C-alpha atoms as a PDB file:
ATOM      1  CA  UNK A   1     -56.582 -51.018 -42.907  1.00  0.00           C
ATOM      2  CA  UNK A   2     -58.412 -50.111 -40.067  1.00  0.00           C
ATOM      3  CA  UNK A   3     -58.199 -46.343 -38.526  1.00  0.00           C
ATOM      4  CA  UNK A   4     -56.249 -48.095 -35.672  1.00  0.00           C
ATOM      5  CA  UNK A   5     -53.970 -49.364 -37.560  1.00  0.00           C
ATOM      6  CA  UNK A   6     -53.434 -46.460 -39.739  1.00  0.00           C
ATOM      7  CA  UNK A   7     -52.952 -44.323 -35.933  1.00  0.00           C
ATOM      8  CA  UNK A   8     -50.468 -46.745 -34.761  1.00  0.00           C
ATOM      9  CA  UNK A   9     -48.215 -46.838 -38.226  1.00  0.00           C
ATOM     10  CA  UNK A  10     -48.194 -42.681 -38.001  1.00  0.00           C
ATOM     11  CA  UNK A  11     -47.456 -43.220 -34.326  1.00  0.00           C
ATOM     12  CA  UNK A  12     -44.729 -45.087 -34.863  1.00  0.00           C
ATOM     13  CA  UNK A  13     -43.404 -43.032 -37.945  1.00  0.00           C
ATOM     14  CA  UNK A  14     -43.474 -40.002 -34.968  1.00  0.00           C
ATOM     15  CA  UNK A  15     -41.402 -41.759 -32.826  1.00  0.00           C
ATOM     16  CA  UNK A  16     -39.241 -42.317 -35.389  1.00  0.00           C
ATOM     17  CA  UNK A  17     -39.009 -38.632 -35.978  1.00  0.00           C
ATOM     18  CA  UNK A  18     -38.823 -38.044 -32.258  1.00  0.00           C
ATOM     19  CA  UNK A  19     -36.278 -39.525 -32.077  1.00  0.00           C
ATOM     20  CA  UNK A  20     -34.079 -38.687 -34.703  1.00  0.00           C
ATOM     21  CA  UNK A  21     -34.291 -34.894 -33.943  1.00  0.00           C
ATOM     22  CA  UNK A  22     -33.369 -35.425 -30.062  1.00  0.00           C
ATOM     23  CA  UNK A  23     -30.332 -37.399 -31.517  1.00  0.00           C
ATOM     24  CA  UNK A  24     -29.142 -34.202 -33.937  1.00  0.00           C
ATOM     25  CA  UNK A  25     -30.312 -31.777 -31.275  1.00  0.00           C
ATOM     26  CA  UNK A  26     -27.883 -33.742 -28.497  1.00  0.00           C
ATOM     27  CA  UNK A  27     -24.913 -34.612 -30.942  1.00  0.00           C
ATOM     28  CA  UNK A  28     -24.777 -31.068 -32.098  1.00  0.00           C
ATOM     29  CA  UNK A  29     -25.354 -29.462 -28.971  1.00  0.00           C
ATOM     30  CA  UNK A  30     -22.354 -31.308 -27.327  1.00  0.00           C
ATOM     31  CA  UNK A  31     -20.114 -30.158 -30.217  1.00  0.00           C
ATOM     32  CA  UNK A  32     -21.565 -26.506 -29.489  1.00  0.00           C
ATOM     33  CA  UNK A  33     -20.778 -26.772 -26.247  1.00  0.00           C
ATOM     34  CA  UNK A  34     -17.144 -28.119 -26.437  1.00  0.00           C
ATOM     35  CA  UNK A  35     -16.504 -25.638 -28.709  1.00  0.00           C
ATOM     36  CA  UNK A  36     -17.842 -22.379 -26.978  1.00  0.00           C
ATOM     37  CA  UNK A  37     -16.376 -23.534 -23.542  1.00  0.00           C
ATOM     38  CA  UNK A  38     -12.760 -23.500 -24.955  1.00  0.00           C
ATOM     39  CA  UNK A  39     -13.386 -20.323 -26.516  1.00  0.00           C
ATOM     40  CA  UNK A  40     -14.979 -18.737 -23.048  1.00  0.00           C
ATOM     41  CA  UNK A  41     -11.539 -19.657 -21.181  1.00  0.00           C
ATOM     42  CA  UNK A  42      -9.524 -17.766 -24.379  1.00  0.00           C
ATOM     43  CA  UNK A  43     -11.326 -14.785 -23.898  1.00  0.00           C
ATOM     44  CA  UNK A  44     -10.942 -15.298 -20.009  1.00  0.00           C
ATOM     45  CA  UNK A  45      -7.228 -15.394 -20.456  1.00  0.00           C
ATOM     46  CA  UNK A  46      -7.041 -11.971 -22.622  1.00  0.00           C
ATOM     47  CA  UNK A  47      -9.186 -10.256 -19.979  1.00  0.00           C
ATOM     48  CA  UNK A  48      -7.283 -11.417 -17.050  1.00  0.00           C
ATOM     49  CA  UNK A  49      -4.087 -10.461 -19.094  1.00  0.00           C
ATOM     50  CA  UNK A  50      -2.417 -13.777 -18.519  1.00  0.00           C
ATOM     51  CA  UNK A  51      -1.918 -13.525 -22.512  1.00  0.00           C
ATOM     52  CA  UNK A  52      -0.321  -9.904 -22.528  1.00  0.00           C
ATOM     53  CA  UNK A  53      -1.423  -6.089 -21.557  1.00  0.00           C
ATOM     54  CA  UNK A  54      -4.573  -4.872 -24.126  1.00  0.00           C
ATOM     55  CA  UNK A  55      -6.399  -1.766 -23.884  1.00  0.00           C
ATOM     56  CA  UNK A  56      -9.304  -0.848 -22.122  1.00  0.00           C
ATOM     57  CA  UNK A  57     -11.318  -0.575 -25.177  1.00  0.00           C
ATOM     58  CA  UNK A  58      -9.614  -3.918 -26.501  1.00  0.00           C
ATOM     59  CA  UNK A  59     -10.754  -5.415 -22.881  1.00  0.00           C
ATOM     60  CA  UNK A  60     -14.486  -3.797 -23.517  1.00  0.00           C
ATOM     61  CA  UNK A  61     -15.116  -5.853 -26.750  1.00  0.00           C
ATOM     62  CA  UNK A  62     -13.582  -8.790 -24.965  1.00  0.00           C
ATOM     63  CA  UNK A  63     -15.811  -8.584 -22.078  1.00  0.00           C
ATOM     64  CA  UNK A  64     -18.983  -7.980 -23.977  1.00  0.00           C
ATOM     65  CA  UNK A  65     -18.214 -11.685 -25.931  1.00  0.00           C
ATOM     66  CA  UNK A  66     -17.692 -13.351 -23.290  1.00  0.00           C
ATOM     67  CA  UNK A  67     -20.718 -11.956 -21.874  1.00  0.00           C
ATOM     68  CA  UNK A  68     -22.093 -13.281 -25.371  1.00  0.00           C
ATOM     69  CA  UNK A  69     -20.361 -16.661 -25.157  1.00  0.00           C
ATOM     70  CA  UNK A  70     -21.742 -17.455 -21.356  1.00  0.00           C
ATOM     71  CA  UNK A  71     -25.221 -16.628 -22.730  1.00  0.00           C
ATOM     72  CA  UNK A  72     -24.591 -18.761 -25.346  1.00  0.00           C
ATOM     73  CA  UNK A  73     -23.291 -21.649 -23.232  1.00  0.00           C
ATOM     74  CA  UNK A  74     -26.284 -21.392 -20.933  1.00  0.00           C
ATOM     75  CA  UNK A  75     -29.075 -21.174 -23.962  1.00  0.00           C
ATOM     76  CA  UNK A  76     -26.607 -24.756 -25.342  1.00  0.00           C
ATOM     77  CA  UNK A  77     -27.020 -26.194 -21.742  1.00  0.00           C
ATOM     78  CA  UNK A  78     -30.847 -25.758 -21.638  1.00  0.00           C
ATOM     79  CA  UNK A  79     -31.043 -27.438 -25.243  1.00  0.00           C
ATOM     80  CA  UNK A  80     -29.345 -30.468 -23.500  1.00  0.00           C
ATOM     81  CA  UNK A  81     -31.446 -30.612 -20.387  1.00  0.00           C
ATOM     82  CA  UNK A  82     -34.739 -30.425 -22.356  1.00  0.00           C
ATOM     83  CA  UNK A  83     -33.929 -32.476 -24.876  1.00  0.00           C
ATOM     84  CA  UNK A  84     -32.740 -35.381 -22.380  1.00  0.00           C
ATOM     85  CA  UNK A  85     -35.524 -34.132 -19.683  1.00  0.00           C
ATOM     86  CA  UNK A  86     -38.754 -36.394 -20.884  1.00  0.00           C
ATOM     87  CA  UNK A  87     -39.013 -40.185 -20.724  1.00  0.00           C
ATOM     88  CA  UNK A  88     -40.778 -39.803 -24.492  1.00  0.00           C
ATOM     89  CA  UNK A  89     -37.622 -38.513 -26.011  1.00  0.00           C
ATOM     90  CA  UNK A  90     -35.038 -40.182 -24.660  1.00  0.00           C
ATOM     91  CA  UNK A  91     -33.027 -42.783 -26.929  1.00  0.00           C
ATOM     92  CA  UNK A  92     -30.669 -44.746 -24.278  1.00  0.00           C
ATOM     93  CA  UNK A  93     -27.847 -46.485 -26.451  1.00  0.00           C
ATOM     94  CA  UNK A  94     -26.339 -48.845 -23.773  1.00  0.00           C
ATOM     95  CA  UNK A  95     -22.839 -50.339 -24.072  1.00  0.00           C
ATOM     96  CA  UNK A  96     -19.836 -51.572 -21.928  1.00  0.00           C
ATOM     97  CA  UNK A  97     -18.080 -48.589 -20.480  1.00  0.00           C
ATOM     98  CA  UNK A  98     -14.865 -47.902 -18.333  1.00  0.00           C
ATOM     99  CA  UNK A  99     -16.450 -45.149 -15.733  1.00  0.00           C
ATOM    100  CA  UNK A 100     -12.956 -44.629 -14.282  1.00  0.00           C
ATOM    101  CA  UNK A 101     -11.723 -43.560 -17.983  1.00  0.00           C
ATOM    102  CA  UNK A 102     -15.184 -41.532 -18.535  1.00  0.00           C
ATOM    103  CA  UNK A 103     -15.155 -39.472 -15.210  1.00  0.00           C
ATOM    104  CA  UNK A 104     -11.226 -38.800 -15.912  1.00  0.00           C
ATOM    105  CA  UNK A 105     -12.179 -37.290 -19.303  1.00  0.00           C
ATOM    106  CA  UNK A 106     -14.821 -35.274 -18.349  1.00  0.00           C
ATOM    107  CA  UNK A 107     -12.618 -33.856 -15.588  1.00  0.00           C
ATOM    108  CA  UNK A 108     -10.331 -32.977 -17.671  1.00  0.00           C
ATOM    109  CA  UNK A 109     -12.410 -30.431 -19.095  1.00  0.00           C
ATOM    110  CA  UNK A 110     -13.429 -28.769 -16.008  1.00  0.00           C
ATOM    111  CA  UNK A 111      -9.654 -28.337 -15.190  1.00  0.00           C
ATOM    112  CA  UNK A 112      -9.307 -24.903 -16.966  1.00  0.00           C
ATOM    113  CA  UNK A 113     -12.323 -23.582 -15.594  1.00  0.00           C
ATOM    114  CA  UNK A 114     -11.254 -24.437 -11.825  1.00  0.00           C
ATOM    115  CA  UNK A 115      -8.211 -23.121 -11.954  1.00  0.00           C
ATOM    116  CA  UNK A 116      -9.753 -19.603 -13.588  1.00  0.00           C
ATOM    117  CA  UNK A 117     -12.069 -19.545 -10.197  1.00  0.00           C
ATOM    118  CA  UNK A 118      -9.096 -20.686  -7.880  1.00  0.00           C
ATOM    119  CA  UNK A 119     -11.011 -24.103  -7.011  1.00  0.00           C
ATOM    120  CA  UNK A 120      -8.595 -27.271  -6.586  1.00  0.00           C
ATOM    121  CA  UNK A 121      -9.935 -30.539  -8.019  1.00  0.00           C
ATOM    122  CA  UNK A 122      -8.672 -33.383  -6.660  1.00  0.00           C
ATOM    123  CA  UNK A 123      -9.509 -37.031  -7.826  1.00  0.00           C
ATOM    124  CA  UNK A 124      -8.934 -39.954  -5.557  1.00  0.00           C
ATOM    125  CA  UNK A 125      -8.955 -43.162  -7.293  1.00  0.00           C
ATOM    126  CA  UNK A 126      -7.772 -46.099  -5.655  1.00  0.00           C
ATOM    127  CA  UNK A 127      -8.849 -48.331  -8.731  1.00  0.00           C
ATOM    128  CA  UNK A 128      -7.130 -49.325 -11.788  1.00  0.00           C
ATOM    129  CA  UNK A 129      -9.125 -52.293 -12.821  1.00  0.00           C
ATOM    130  CA  UNK A 130     -12.878 -52.198 -12.067  1.00  0.00           C
ATOM    131  CA  UNK A 131     -16.011 -54.001 -13.597  1.00  0.00           C
ATOM    132  CA  UNK A 132     -17.614 -52.001 -16.542  1.00  0.00           C
ATOM    133  CA  UNK A 133     -21.179 -50.574 -16.323  1.00  0.00           C
ATOM    134  CA  UNK A 134     -23.623 -50.629 -19.389  1.00  0.00           C
ATOM    135  CA  UNK A 135     -24.669 -47.352 -19.796  1.00  0.00           C
ATOM    136  CA  UNK A 136     -24.864 -44.844 -22.394  1.00  0.00           C
ATOM    137  CA  UNK A 137     -21.845 -42.978 -22.224  1.00  0.00           C
ATOM    138  CA  UNK A 138     -22.958 -39.282 -23.265  1.00  0.00           C
ATOM    139  CA  UNK A 139     -26.148 -39.282 -20.851  1.00  0.00           C
ATOM    140  CA  UNK A 140     -23.565 -40.260 -17.812  1.00  0.00           C
ATOM    141  CA  UNK A 141     -21.121 -37.648 -18.972  1.00  0.00           C
ATOM    142  CA  UNK A 142     -23.895 -35.222 -18.759  1.00  0.00           C
ATOM    143  CA  UNK A 143     -24.526 -36.527 -15.533  1.00  0.00           C
ATOM    144  CA  UNK A 144     -20.756 -35.854 -14.710  1.00  0.00           C
ATOM    145  CA  UNK A 145     -20.929 -32.593 -16.299  1.00  0.00           C
ATOM    146  CA  UNK A 146     -23.705 -31.447 -14.078  1.00  0.00           C
ATOM    147  CA  UNK A 147     -22.676 -32.487 -11.010  1.00  0.00           C
ATOM    148  CA  UNK A 148     -18.884 -31.117 -11.689  1.00  0.00           C
ATOM    149  CA  UNK A 149     -20.192 -27.599 -12.837  1.00  0.00           C
ATOM    150  CA  UNK A 150     -22.444 -27.443  -9.672  1.00  0.00           C
ATOM    151  CA  UNK A 151     -20.000 -28.159  -7.271  1.00  0.00           C
ATOM    152  CA  UNK A 152     -17.481 -25.864  -9.001  1.00  0.00           C
ATOM    153  CA  UNK A 153     -20.235 -22.899  -9.139  1.00  0.00           C
ATOM    154  CA  UNK A 154     -21.265 -23.018  -5.899  1.00  0.00           C
ATOM    155  CA  UNK A 155     -17.599 -23.144  -4.153  1.00  0.00           C
ATOM    156  CA  UNK A 156     -15.743 -20.645  -3.295  1.00  0.00           C
ATOM    157  CA  UNK A 157     -12.216 -19.134  -3.869  1.00  0.00           C
ATOM    158  CA  UNK A 158      -9.437 -21.817  -2.854  1.00  0.00           C
ATOM    159  CA  UNK A 159     -11.818 -24.203  -1.741  1.00  0.00           C
ATOM    160  CA  UNK A 160     -11.290 -27.746  -3.062  1.00  0.00           C
ATOM    161  CA  UNK A 161     -13.592 -29.855  -4.681  1.00  0.00           C
ATOM    162  CA  UNK A 162     -13.237 -33.951  -4.126  1.00  0.00           C
ATOM    163  CA  UNK A 163     -14.489 -36.521  -6.819  1.00  0.00           C
ATOM    164  CA  UNK A 164     -13.623 -40.037  -5.361  1.00  0.00           C
ATOM    165  CA  UNK A 165     -15.188 -43.274  -6.709  1.00  0.00           C
ATOM    166  CA  UNK A 166     -15.236 -46.760  -5.128  1.00  0.00           C
ATOM    167  CA  UNK A 167     -16.215 -50.503  -5.759  1.00  0.00           C
ATOM    168  CA  UNK A 168     -18.895 -52.353  -3.740  1.00  0.00           C
ATOM    169  CA  UNK A 169     -18.274 -56.254  -4.408  1.00  0.00           C
ATOM    170  CA  UNK A 170     -21.166 -56.967  -2.671  1.00  0.00           C
ATOM    171  CA  UNK A 171     -23.151 -54.892  -4.165  1.00  0.00           C
ATOM    172  CA  UNK A 172     -22.341 -55.053  -7.548  1.00  0.00           C
ATOM    173  CA  UNK A 173     -21.863 -51.079  -8.072  1.00  0.00           C
ATOM    174  CA  UNK A 174     -19.981 -48.394  -8.552  1.00  0.00           C
ATOM    175  CA  UNK A 175     -20.177 -44.894  -6.532  1.00  0.00           C
ATOM    176  CA  UNK A 176     -18.735 -41.521  -7.268  1.00  0.00           C
ATOM    177  CA  UNK A 177     -19.058 -38.602  -5.365  1.00  0.00           C
ATOM    178  CA  UNK A 178     -18.727 -35.268  -5.523  1.00  0.00           C
ATOM    179  CA  UNK A 179     -17.770 -32.749  -2.359  1.00  0.00           C
ATOM    180  CA  UNK A 180     -17.629 -29.119  -2.574  1.00  0.00           C
ATOM    181  CA  UNK A 181     -16.988 -27.086   0.700  1.00  0.00           C
ATOM    182  CA  UNK A 182     -19.326 -24.049  -0.823  1.00  0.00           C
ATOM    183  CA  UNK A 183     -22.669 -22.612   0.015  1.00  0.00           C
ATOM    184  CA  UNK A 184     -24.423 -25.603   0.990  1.00  0.00           C
ATOM    185  CA  UNK A 185     -28.379 -26.411   0.567  1.00  0.00           C
ATOM    186  CA  UNK A 186     -31.052 -25.464   3.235  1.00  0.00           C
ATOM    187  CA  UNK A 187     -33.063 -27.557   4.870  1.00  0.00           C
ATOM    188  CA  UNK A 188     -36.083 -26.566   3.757  1.00  0.00           C
ATOM    189  CA  UNK A 189     -35.041 -26.444   0.037  1.00  0.00           C
ATOM    190  CA  UNK A 190     -33.686 -29.978   0.153  1.00  0.00           C
ATOM    191  CA  UNK A 191     -36.977 -31.643  -0.849  1.00  0.00           C
ATOM    192  CA  UNK A 192     -37.035 -29.863  -4.052  1.00  0.00           C
ATOM    193  CA  UNK A 193     -33.286 -30.273  -5.010  1.00  0.00           C
ATOM    194  CA  UNK A 194     -34.426 -32.350  -7.797  1.00  0.00           C
ATOM    195  CA  UNK A 195     -37.793 -30.768  -8.573  1.00  0.00           C
ATOM    196  CA  UNK A 196     -37.750 -29.467 -12.388  1.00  0.00           C
ATOM    197  CA  UNK A 197     -36.975 -25.977 -12.881  1.00  0.00           C
ATOM    198  CA  UNK A 198     -35.949 -25.539  -8.878  1.00  0.00           C
ATOM    199  CA  UNK A 199     -33.153 -23.215  -7.753  1.00  0.00           C
ATOM    200  CA  UNK A 200     -32.573 -22.118  -4.326  1.00  0.00           C
ATOM    201  CA  UNK A 201     -32.376 -18.556  -3.274  1.00  0.00           C
ATOM    202  CA  UNK A 202     -28.827 -18.861  -2.171  1.00  0.00           C
ATOM    203  CA  UNK A 203     -27.737 -20.506  -5.341  1.00  0.00           C
ATOM    204  CA  UNK A 204     -29.645 -17.641  -7.091  1.00  0.00           C
ATOM    205  CA  UNK A 205     -26.827 -15.321  -5.162  1.00  0.00           C
ATOM    206  CA  UNK A 206     -24.264 -17.008  -6.089  1.00  0.00           C
ATOM    207  CA  UNK A 207     -25.008 -17.084 -10.054  1.00  0.00           C
ATOM    208  CA  UNK A 208     -27.706 -15.972 -11.272  1.00  0.00           C
ATOM    209  CA  UNK A 209     -27.423 -18.399 -14.651  1.00  0.00           C
ATOM    210  CA  UNK A 210     -29.268 -21.329 -14.637  1.00  0.00           C
ATOM    211  CA  UNK A 211     -32.822 -23.303 -15.856  1.00  0.00           C
ATOM    212  CA  UNK A 212     -33.546 -25.537 -12.877  1.00  0.00           C
ATOM    213  CA  UNK A 213     -33.269 -28.326 -15.177  1.00  0.00           C
ATOM    214  CA  UNK A 214     -29.507 -30.088 -14.147  1.00  0.00           C
ATOM    215  CA  UNK A 215     -30.457 -31.940 -11.454  1.00  0.00           C
ATOM    216  CA  UNK A 216     -33.970 -33.007 -12.672  1.00  0.00           C
ATOM    217  CA  UNK A 217     -32.517 -34.538 -16.097  1.00  0.00           C
ATOM    218  CA  UNK A 218     -28.826 -35.847 -14.046  1.00  0.00           C
ATOM    219  CA  UNK A 219     -32.065 -37.507 -11.963  1.00  0.00           C
ATOM    220  CA  UNK A 220     -33.712 -38.762 -14.419  1.00  0.00           C
ATOM    221  CA  UNK A 221     -30.834 -39.931 -16.909  1.00  0.00           C
ATOM    222  CA  UNK A 222     -29.487 -42.026 -13.656  1.00  0.00           C
ATOM    223  CA  UNK A 223     -32.962 -43.826 -13.082  1.00  0.00           C
ATOM    224  CA  UNK A 224     -33.028 -44.944 -16.094  1.00  0.00           C
ATOM    225  CA  UNK A 225     -29.733 -46.711 -15.950  1.00  0.00           C
ATOM    226  CA  UNK A 226     -31.452 -48.233 -12.578  1.00  0.00           C
ATOM    227  CA  UNK A 227     -28.854 -46.429 -10.551  1.00  0.00           C
ATOM    228  CA  UNK A 228     -29.154 -44.079  -7.443  1.00  0.00           C
ATOM    229  CA  UNK A 229     -28.646 -40.383  -6.764  1.00  0.00           C
ATOM    230  CA  UNK A 230     -28.301 -38.645  -3.121  1.00  0.00           C
ATOM    231  CA  UNK A 231     -26.507 -35.995  -1.215  1.00  0.00           C
ATOM    232  CA  UNK A 232     -25.889 -34.717   2.174  1.00  0.00           C
ATOM    233  CA  UNK A 233     -25.060 -30.975   2.677  1.00  0.00           C
ATOM    234  CA  UNK A 234     -25.470 -28.808   5.365  1.00  0.00           C
ATOM    235  CA  UNK A 235     -26.316 -24.787   4.477  1.00  0.00           C
ATOM    236  CA  UNK A 236     -22.720 -22.499   4.444  1.00  0.00           C
ATOM    237  CA  UNK A 237     -20.278 -25.969   4.423  1.00  0.00           C
ATOM    238  CA  UNK A 238     -20.973 -27.961   1.733  1.00  0.00           C
ATOM    239  CA  UNK A 239     -22.273 -30.626  -0.549  1.00  0.00           C
ATOM    240  CA  UNK A 240     -21.872 -34.074  -1.487  1.00  0.00           C
ATOM    241  CA  UNK A 241     -23.450 -35.803  -4.490  1.00  0.00           C
ATOM    242  CA  UNK A 242     -23.752 -39.198  -4.415  1.00  0.00           C
ATOM    243  CA  UNK A 243     -24.657 -41.302  -7.645  1.00  0.00           C
ATOM    244  CA  UNK A 244     -24.604 -45.030  -8.007  1.00  0.00           C
ATOM    245  CA  UNK A 245     -24.495 -47.435 -10.775  1.00  0.00           C
ATOM    246  CA  UNK A 246     -24.807 -51.158 -11.495  1.00  0.00           C
ATOM    247  CA  UNK A 247     -21.787 -53.079 -12.705  1.00  0.00           C
ATOM    248  CA  UNK A 248     -21.785 -55.678 -14.844  1.00  0.00           C
END
């Protein structure tokens, strides 16, 4: 066996090891995020006295626990986005998926957060029977999570976040839109919004925690599904993100 063949075999082994590592990180991080998110809103309910009165000392300890939990959620989100950010480590598991059901499941995860932030989630669904989409279910879930989380995060109290879904029989694609009435995107930031590590100044002011990887990863995942992602936005008047995915 010559040196080139040896290098090829070693390269294949490294690829397999990377794939296993990537899957392990992804599965573990998703499980951690689910548990941490549930804990976050339990702690928040105690601090907000939703479950009864607590002493100032107890509230202080609860706040410290909440702050630590928040930092852990950011770390887990960074693990997920970094793990999915580069083409060399993404391993897509394509299968037939009901996008309507997946979107409903993802939205359910955010009802606690939206309630506490006094942001109303509205899902407009005019379809019952839709063609399925061949996609990686967990990757598309990450896309929905990123976009819904941003919509809530950058909304103001009493705002509404409207999620809608429509099917184009002509184009054979499903289009999902997520609209908020929040801070919007400045004109000078629009060309950079999908760049790795970019965060607009008004976004940092609204929420200082973030990695600047969410939209970069979202775009990367959608493009690997032969879909499209775009947005329309006016500063201080909200943003609508659109995602289109081809149907089977």
